[in-house]
N, C-alpha and C. Protein backbone atom coordinates (compact mmCIF):
# COMPACT_ATOMS: atom_id res chain seq x y z
N UNK A 1 -11.24 -7.65 8.72
CA UNK A 1 -10.01 -7.47 7.97
C UNK A 1 -9.42 -8.85 7.72
N UNK A 2 -8.82 -9.01 6.56
CA UNK A 2 -8.23 -10.30 6.24
C UNK A 2 -6.97 -10.53 7.07
N UNK A 3 -6.63 -11.78 7.20
CA UNK A 3 -5.43 -12.14 7.95
C UNK A 3 -4.18 -11.58 7.28
N UNK A 4 -4.14 -11.58 5.96
CA UNK A 4 -2.97 -11.07 5.23
C UNK A 4 -2.76 -9.58 5.50
N UNK A 5 -3.85 -8.80 5.50
CA UNK A 5 -3.75 -7.37 5.78
C UNK A 5 -3.31 -7.15 7.21
N UNK A 6 -3.88 -7.90 8.14
CA UNK A 6 -3.50 -7.76 9.55
C UNK A 6 -2.02 -8.08 9.74
N UNK A 7 -1.53 -9.10 9.08
CA UNK A 7 -0.11 -9.48 9.20
C UNK A 7 0.77 -8.38 8.62
N UNK A 8 0.40 -7.85 7.45
CA UNK A 8 1.20 -6.80 6.82
C UNK A 8 1.24 -5.55 7.69
N UNK A 9 0.10 -5.17 8.25
CA UNK A 9 0.06 -3.98 9.09
C UNK A 9 0.82 -4.20 10.39
N UNK A 10 0.75 -5.40 10.95
CA UNK A 10 1.53 -5.71 12.15
C UNK A 10 3.01 -5.62 11.86
N UNK A 11 3.43 -6.17 10.71
CA UNK A 11 4.83 -6.10 10.31
C UNK A 11 5.29 -4.65 10.19
N UNK A 12 4.47 -3.84 9.55
CA UNK A 12 4.85 -2.44 9.35
C UNK A 12 4.93 -1.68 10.67
N UNK A 13 4.02 -1.97 11.58
CA UNK A 13 4.07 -1.31 12.90
C UNK A 13 5.36 -1.70 13.63
N UNK A 14 5.71 -2.97 13.58
CA UNK A 14 6.94 -3.42 14.23
C UNK A 14 8.17 -2.80 13.58
N UNK A 15 8.17 -2.73 12.25
CA UNK A 15 9.30 -2.14 11.54
C UNK A 15 9.44 -0.66 11.87
N UNK A 16 8.32 0.03 11.96
CA UNK A 16 8.36 1.46 12.28
C UNK A 16 8.91 1.67 13.68
N UNK A 17 8.50 0.83 14.62
CA UNK A 17 8.99 0.95 15.99
C UNK A 17 10.49 0.67 16.07
N UNK A 18 10.96 -0.20 15.21
CA UNK A 18 12.38 -0.54 15.22
C UNK A 18 13.20 0.44 14.38
N UNK A 19 12.53 1.37 13.75
CA UNK A 19 13.23 2.35 12.92
C UNK A 19 13.59 1.81 11.56
N UNK A 20 13.00 0.68 11.16
CA UNK A 20 13.38 0.06 9.90
C UNK A 20 12.45 0.38 8.76
N UNK A 21 11.47 1.24 8.97
CA UNK A 21 10.52 1.53 7.91
C UNK A 21 10.61 3.00 7.54
N UNK A 22 10.55 3.27 6.25
CA UNK A 22 10.69 4.64 5.76
C UNK A 22 9.43 5.02 5.00
N UNK A 23 8.87 6.17 5.29
CA UNK A 23 7.67 6.60 4.59
C UNK A 23 7.97 7.29 3.27
N UNK A 24 9.22 7.53 2.96
CA UNK A 24 9.56 8.13 1.68
C UNK A 24 9.69 7.01 0.66
N UNK A 25 8.65 6.83 -0.13
CA UNK A 25 8.57 5.70 -1.04
C UNK A 25 9.68 5.66 -2.07
N UNK A 26 10.21 6.79 -2.44
CA UNK A 26 11.16 6.83 -3.53
C UNK A 26 12.61 6.75 -3.07
N UNK A 27 12.84 6.64 -1.79
CA UNK A 27 14.22 6.66 -1.30
C UNK A 27 15.00 5.40 -1.66
N UNK A 28 14.31 4.29 -1.91
CA UNK A 28 15.01 3.04 -2.20
C UNK A 28 15.05 2.73 -3.70
N UNK A 29 14.63 3.65 -4.53
CA UNK A 29 14.62 3.39 -5.96
C UNK A 29 16.05 3.29 -6.49
N UNK A 30 16.31 2.24 -7.23
CA UNK A 30 17.66 2.00 -7.75
C UNK A 30 17.87 2.78 -9.04
N UNK A 31 19.12 3.01 -9.36
CA UNK A 31 19.44 3.65 -10.62
C UNK A 31 19.21 2.66 -11.75
N UNK A 32 19.21 3.16 -12.97
CA UNK A 32 18.93 2.29 -14.11
C UNK A 32 20.20 1.69 -14.69
N UNK A 33 21.30 1.74 -13.97
CA UNK A 33 22.52 1.14 -14.49
C UNK A 33 22.41 -0.37 -14.44
N UNK A 34 23.33 -1.05 -15.10
CA UNK A 34 23.25 -2.50 -15.14
C UNK A 34 24.25 -3.15 -14.18
N UNK A 35 24.75 -2.40 -13.21
CA UNK A 35 25.67 -2.99 -12.25
C UNK A 35 24.94 -4.03 -11.40
N UNK A 36 25.67 -5.02 -10.85
CA UNK A 36 25.02 -6.02 -10.02
C UNK A 36 24.26 -5.41 -8.85
N UNK A 37 24.79 -4.35 -8.26
CA UNK A 37 24.12 -3.71 -7.13
C UNK A 37 22.80 -3.10 -7.58
N UNK A 38 22.78 -2.44 -8.73
CA UNK A 38 21.54 -1.83 -9.23
C UNK A 38 20.52 -2.90 -9.58
N UNK A 39 20.94 -4.00 -10.20
CA UNK A 39 20.01 -5.07 -10.53
C UNK A 39 19.43 -5.68 -9.27
N UNK A 40 20.26 -5.89 -8.27
CA UNK A 40 19.79 -6.47 -7.02
C UNK A 40 18.79 -5.55 -6.34
N UNK A 41 18.99 -4.24 -6.44
CA UNK A 41 18.10 -3.28 -5.79
C UNK A 41 16.71 -3.28 -6.41
N UNK A 42 16.57 -3.70 -7.66
CA UNK A 42 15.26 -3.66 -8.32
C UNK A 42 14.58 -5.01 -8.37
N UNK A 43 15.20 -6.06 -7.88
CA UNK A 43 14.58 -7.37 -7.88
C UNK A 43 14.00 -7.65 -6.50
N UNK A 44 13.07 -8.59 -6.43
CA UNK A 44 12.47 -8.95 -5.17
C UNK A 44 11.08 -8.34 -5.01
N UNK A 45 10.21 -9.07 -4.34
CA UNK A 45 8.83 -8.61 -4.13
C UNK A 45 8.80 -7.31 -3.34
N UNK A 46 7.81 -6.48 -3.68
CA UNK A 46 7.58 -5.23 -2.98
C UNK A 46 6.14 -5.25 -2.46
N UNK A 47 5.97 -4.96 -1.18
CA UNK A 47 4.65 -4.85 -0.59
C UNK A 47 4.34 -3.36 -0.43
N UNK A 48 3.24 -2.94 -1.00
CA UNK A 48 2.80 -1.54 -1.04
C UNK A 48 1.59 -1.43 -0.12
N UNK A 49 1.72 -0.68 0.96
CA UNK A 49 0.65 -0.53 1.94
C UNK A 49 0.13 0.90 1.88
N UNK A 50 -1.16 1.04 1.68
CA UNK A 50 -1.79 2.34 1.62
C UNK A 50 -2.83 2.41 2.74
N UNK A 51 -2.64 3.36 3.66
CA UNK A 51 -3.61 3.57 4.73
C UNK A 51 -4.39 4.84 4.40
N UNK A 52 -5.69 4.74 4.48
CA UNK A 52 -6.57 5.82 4.06
C UNK A 52 -7.42 6.33 5.23
N UNK A 53 -7.43 7.66 5.39
CA UNK A 53 -8.33 8.31 6.33
C UNK A 53 -9.39 9.00 5.48
N UNK A 54 -10.65 8.68 5.73
CA UNK A 54 -11.75 9.24 4.94
C UNK A 54 -12.06 10.68 5.33
N UNK A 55 -12.56 11.45 4.36
CA UNK A 55 -13.00 12.81 4.66
C UNK A 55 -14.15 12.79 5.66
N UNK A 56 -14.97 11.74 5.56
CA UNK A 56 -16.05 11.53 6.52
C UNK A 56 -15.73 10.23 7.26
N UNK A 57 -15.04 10.33 8.40
CA UNK A 57 -14.64 9.11 9.12
C UNK A 57 -15.84 8.19 9.40
N UNK A 58 -15.60 6.91 9.19
CA UNK A 58 -16.64 5.91 9.44
C UNK A 58 -17.66 5.77 8.33
N UNK A 59 -17.48 6.45 7.21
CA UNK A 59 -18.41 6.37 6.08
C UNK A 59 -18.28 5.00 5.41
N UNK A 60 -19.22 4.11 5.71
CA UNK A 60 -19.15 2.73 5.20
C UNK A 60 -19.19 2.66 3.68
N UNK A 61 -20.00 3.50 3.05
CA UNK A 61 -20.10 3.47 1.58
C UNK A 61 -18.77 3.89 0.95
N UNK A 62 -18.13 4.90 1.50
CA UNK A 62 -16.83 5.34 0.97
C UNK A 62 -15.78 4.26 1.18
N UNK A 63 -15.77 3.64 2.34
CA UNK A 63 -14.81 2.56 2.61
C UNK A 63 -15.02 1.41 1.63
N UNK A 64 -16.27 1.03 1.41
CA UNK A 64 -16.57 -0.06 0.46
C UNK A 64 -16.11 0.31 -0.94
N UNK A 65 -16.27 1.56 -1.33
CA UNK A 65 -15.87 1.98 -2.67
C UNK A 65 -14.36 1.84 -2.85
N UNK A 66 -13.59 2.23 -1.85
CA UNK A 66 -12.13 2.09 -1.93
C UNK A 66 -11.75 0.62 -1.99
N UNK A 67 -12.37 -0.19 -1.15
CA UNK A 67 -12.08 -1.63 -1.11
C UNK A 67 -12.42 -2.27 -2.46
N UNK A 68 -13.59 -1.96 -3.00
CA UNK A 68 -14.00 -2.54 -4.28
C UNK A 68 -13.12 -2.06 -5.43
N UNK A 69 -12.73 -0.80 -5.41
CA UNK A 69 -11.86 -0.26 -6.45
C UNK A 69 -10.50 -0.94 -6.43
N UNK A 70 -10.01 -1.27 -5.25
CA UNK A 70 -8.70 -1.91 -5.15
C UNK A 70 -8.68 -3.28 -5.83
N UNK A 71 -9.86 -3.91 -5.94
CA UNK A 71 -9.92 -5.21 -6.62
C UNK A 71 -9.49 -5.12 -8.08
N UNK A 72 -9.67 -3.94 -8.71
CA UNK A 72 -9.29 -3.76 -10.12
C UNK A 72 -7.78 -3.93 -10.32
N UNK A 73 -6.99 -3.71 -9.27
CA UNK A 73 -5.53 -3.80 -9.39
C UNK A 73 -5.06 -5.24 -9.60
N UNK A 74 -5.90 -6.20 -9.25
CA UNK A 74 -5.53 -7.63 -9.41
C UNK A 74 -5.21 -7.98 -10.86
N UNK A 75 -5.83 -7.29 -11.79
CA UNK A 75 -5.66 -7.60 -13.22
C UNK A 75 -4.38 -7.04 -13.82
N UNK A 76 -3.69 -6.17 -13.09
CA UNK A 76 -2.49 -5.53 -13.64
C UNK A 76 -1.30 -6.48 -13.65
N UNK A 77 -0.47 -6.42 -14.69
CA UNK A 77 0.72 -7.27 -14.76
C UNK A 77 1.65 -7.01 -13.58
N UNK A 78 2.19 -8.08 -13.03
CA UNK A 78 3.15 -7.96 -11.94
C UNK A 78 2.54 -7.86 -10.56
N UNK A 79 1.21 -7.77 -10.48
CA UNK A 79 0.54 -7.73 -9.18
C UNK A 79 0.33 -9.17 -8.73
N UNK A 80 0.90 -9.50 -7.58
CA UNK A 80 0.79 -10.86 -7.05
C UNK A 80 -0.42 -11.04 -6.15
N UNK A 81 -0.77 -10.01 -5.40
CA UNK A 81 -1.94 -10.09 -4.53
C UNK A 81 -2.41 -8.70 -4.15
N UNK A 82 -3.70 -8.62 -3.84
CA UNK A 82 -4.32 -7.38 -3.36
C UNK A 82 -5.24 -7.75 -2.21
N UNK A 83 -5.08 -7.05 -1.10
CA UNK A 83 -5.94 -7.24 0.06
C UNK A 83 -6.37 -5.85 0.54
N UNK A 84 -7.65 -5.70 0.82
CA UNK A 84 -8.14 -4.41 1.32
C UNK A 84 -9.18 -4.66 2.39
N UNK A 85 -9.20 -3.78 3.40
CA UNK A 85 -10.17 -3.94 4.46
C UNK A 85 -10.12 -2.82 5.47
N UNK A 86 -10.89 -3.00 6.52
CA UNK A 86 -11.00 -2.03 7.60
C UNK A 86 -10.00 -2.39 8.70
N UNK A 87 -9.60 -1.43 9.53
CA UNK A 87 -8.63 -1.72 10.60
C UNK A 87 -9.24 -2.56 11.71
N UNK A 88 -8.39 -3.26 12.39
CA UNK A 88 -8.78 -3.99 13.59
C UNK A 88 -8.60 -3.03 14.76
N UNK A 89 -9.66 -2.71 15.49
CA UNK A 89 -9.51 -1.79 16.63
C UNK A 89 -8.51 -2.36 17.64
N UNK A 90 -7.73 -1.46 18.22
CA UNK A 90 -6.72 -1.90 19.19
C UNK A 90 -6.54 -0.84 20.26
N UNK A 91 -6.25 -1.30 21.46
CA UNK A 91 -5.93 -0.37 22.55
C UNK A 91 -4.43 -0.37 22.82
N UNK A 92 -3.67 -1.19 22.08
CA UNK A 92 -2.22 -1.22 22.26
C UNK A 92 -1.62 0.08 21.75
N UNK A 93 -0.73 0.71 22.52
CA UNK A 93 -0.19 2.01 22.13
C UNK A 93 0.62 2.00 20.83
N UNK A 94 1.20 0.89 20.44
CA UNK A 94 2.02 0.85 19.22
C UNK A 94 1.19 0.62 17.97
N UNK A 95 -0.09 0.32 18.12
CA UNK A 95 -0.95 0.03 16.97
C UNK A 95 -1.75 1.27 16.61
N UNK A 96 -1.63 1.69 15.36
CA UNK A 96 -2.42 2.80 14.86
C UNK A 96 -3.61 2.22 14.11
N UNK A 97 -4.77 2.31 14.71
CA UNK A 97 -5.98 1.83 14.04
C UNK A 97 -6.91 3.01 13.75
N UNK A 98 -6.33 4.20 13.60
CA UNK A 98 -7.13 5.40 13.36
C UNK A 98 -7.53 5.54 11.89
N UNK A 99 -6.93 4.80 11.00
CA UNK A 99 -7.27 4.89 9.58
C UNK A 99 -8.61 4.19 9.33
N UNK A 100 -9.21 4.46 8.17
CA UNK A 100 -10.51 3.88 7.83
C UNK A 100 -10.41 2.67 6.92
N UNK A 101 -9.41 2.66 6.02
CA UNK A 101 -9.24 1.56 5.06
C UNK A 101 -7.75 1.33 4.86
N UNK A 102 -7.37 0.06 4.79
CA UNK A 102 -6.00 -0.30 4.45
C UNK A 102 -6.00 -1.15 3.18
N UNK A 103 -5.06 -0.87 2.30
CA UNK A 103 -4.91 -1.64 1.07
C UNK A 103 -3.47 -2.13 1.02
N UNK A 104 -3.30 -3.43 0.79
CA UNK A 104 -1.96 -4.02 0.70
C UNK A 104 -1.86 -4.71 -0.66
N UNK A 105 -0.87 -4.27 -1.44
CA UNK A 105 -0.65 -4.85 -2.77
C UNK A 105 0.77 -5.38 -2.81
N UNK A 106 0.93 -6.62 -3.24
CA UNK A 106 2.25 -7.21 -3.39
C UNK A 106 2.57 -7.28 -4.88
N UNK A 107 3.74 -6.72 -5.22
CA UNK A 107 4.20 -6.70 -6.61
C UNK A 107 5.37 -7.66 -6.78
N UNK A 108 5.54 -8.13 -8.00
CA UNK A 108 6.65 -9.02 -8.33
C UNK A 108 7.99 -8.33 -8.04
N UNK A 109 8.07 -7.02 -8.35
CA UNK A 109 9.31 -6.27 -8.15
C UNK A 109 9.01 -4.78 -8.27
N UNK A 110 10.04 -3.96 -8.15
CA UNK A 110 9.86 -2.52 -8.22
C UNK A 110 9.36 -2.06 -9.60
N UNK A 111 9.79 -2.74 -10.65
CA UNK A 111 9.34 -2.37 -11.99
C UNK A 111 7.83 -2.56 -12.12
N UNK A 112 7.31 -3.63 -11.54
CA UNK A 112 5.86 -3.87 -11.58
C UNK A 112 5.12 -2.79 -10.79
N UNK A 113 5.70 -2.36 -9.66
CA UNK A 113 5.08 -1.29 -8.89
C UNK A 113 5.09 0.02 -9.68
N UNK A 114 6.18 0.31 -10.36
CA UNK A 114 6.27 1.53 -11.17
C UNK A 114 5.23 1.49 -12.30
N UNK A 115 5.06 0.33 -12.92
CA UNK A 115 4.06 0.19 -14.00
C UNK A 115 2.65 0.40 -13.44
N UNK A 116 2.38 -0.12 -12.26
CA UNK A 116 1.08 0.07 -11.60
C UNK A 116 0.82 1.55 -11.35
N UNK A 117 1.83 2.26 -10.84
CA UNK A 117 1.66 3.68 -10.53
C UNK A 117 1.34 4.49 -11.78
N UNK A 118 1.88 4.09 -12.92
CA UNK A 118 1.66 4.82 -14.18
C UNK A 118 0.43 4.33 -14.94
N UNK A 119 -0.18 3.24 -14.50
CA UNK A 119 -1.30 2.64 -15.25
C UNK A 119 -2.55 3.51 -15.20
N UNK A 120 -3.35 3.46 -16.26
CA UNK A 120 -4.62 4.18 -16.26
C UNK A 120 -5.55 3.70 -15.13
N UNK A 121 -5.48 2.43 -14.78
CA UNK A 121 -6.32 1.89 -13.70
C UNK A 121 -6.00 2.59 -12.38
N UNK A 122 -4.71 2.74 -12.07
CA UNK A 122 -4.30 3.40 -10.83
C UNK A 122 -4.60 4.90 -10.89
N UNK A 123 -4.26 5.53 -12.01
CA UNK A 123 -4.50 6.97 -12.17
C UNK A 123 -5.98 7.29 -11.99
N UNK A 124 -6.84 6.49 -12.59
CA UNK A 124 -8.29 6.68 -12.47
C UNK A 124 -8.75 6.48 -11.03
N UNK A 125 -8.23 5.46 -10.35
CA UNK A 125 -8.61 5.20 -8.96
C UNK A 125 -8.23 6.38 -8.06
N UNK A 126 -7.04 6.92 -8.27
CA UNK A 126 -6.60 8.07 -7.47
C UNK A 126 -7.52 9.27 -7.72
N UNK A 127 -7.77 9.56 -8.99
CA UNK A 127 -8.55 10.75 -9.36
C UNK A 127 -10.03 10.62 -8.98
N UNK A 128 -10.62 9.46 -9.24
CA UNK A 128 -12.06 9.30 -9.08
C UNK A 128 -12.49 8.76 -7.72
N UNK A 129 -11.57 8.13 -6.99
CA UNK A 129 -11.96 7.51 -5.72
C UNK A 129 -11.16 8.09 -4.55
N UNK A 130 -9.85 7.95 -4.58
CA UNK A 130 -9.06 8.37 -3.42
C UNK A 130 -9.13 9.87 -3.16
N UNK A 131 -8.90 10.69 -4.18
CA UNK A 131 -8.92 12.14 -3.96
C UNK A 131 -10.26 12.64 -3.44
N UNK A 132 -11.39 12.20 -4.03
CA UNK A 132 -12.67 12.70 -3.52
C UNK A 132 -13.04 12.18 -2.12
N UNK A 133 -12.57 10.99 -1.76
CA UNK A 133 -13.05 10.36 -0.53
C UNK A 133 -12.11 10.45 0.66
N UNK A 134 -10.81 10.69 0.42
CA UNK A 134 -9.87 10.65 1.54
C UNK A 134 -9.34 12.04 1.90
N UNK A 135 -9.03 12.19 3.19
CA UNK A 135 -8.42 13.43 3.67
C UNK A 135 -6.92 13.24 3.88
N UNK A 136 -6.49 11.98 4.01
CA UNK A 136 -5.08 11.69 4.28
C UNK A 136 -4.77 10.27 3.81
N UNK A 137 -3.57 10.11 3.26
CA UNK A 137 -3.05 8.79 2.89
C UNK A 137 -1.67 8.65 3.51
N UNK A 138 -1.35 7.47 3.93
CA UNK A 138 0.01 7.15 4.40
C UNK A 138 0.42 5.90 3.64
N UNK A 139 1.58 5.95 3.01
CA UNK A 139 2.02 4.84 2.16
C UNK A 139 3.35 4.33 2.64
N UNK A 140 3.45 3.01 2.70
CA UNK A 140 4.70 2.34 3.06
C UNK A 140 5.00 1.31 1.98
N UNK A 141 6.23 1.27 1.51
CA UNK A 141 6.68 0.26 0.57
C UNK A 141 7.79 -0.54 1.24
N UNK A 142 7.62 -1.85 1.26
CA UNK A 142 8.56 -2.73 1.93
C UNK A 142 9.05 -3.75 0.91
N UNK A 143 10.37 -3.86 0.81
CA UNK A 143 10.97 -4.77 -0.16
C UNK A 143 11.45 -6.03 0.54
N UNK A 144 11.19 -7.14 -0.10
CA UNK A 144 11.58 -8.42 0.46
C UNK A 144 12.95 -8.80 -0.01
């Protein structure tokens, strides 16, 4: 696993333990008004973490397919970085390493993340790769 993915997952585990992380991705979405508070809510980098549990745990070909597919997201506007890999095994009780693949995407802002979610590239990846290969997904969005 890359160092960036390990750092992002460590951050999320710490935030979850502290009660600072929310799994409801849409709870922080700002209104479309032009007030200073609304503008501030939609600016700033967003880190999108997707943890995947495969239908066939440990299936290396399926894990590679998800990792390779995530590389396509690099070309989308507003995507600053994409990192994907396998979990680092851990015996620490606060670390969840039960997932098979983790994908971390950093967006310029919430608008870029919304555009990614609506893009044909993302829609195709969900339909052709994630749905057929995964039994469970857990998503965390963290705003900087």
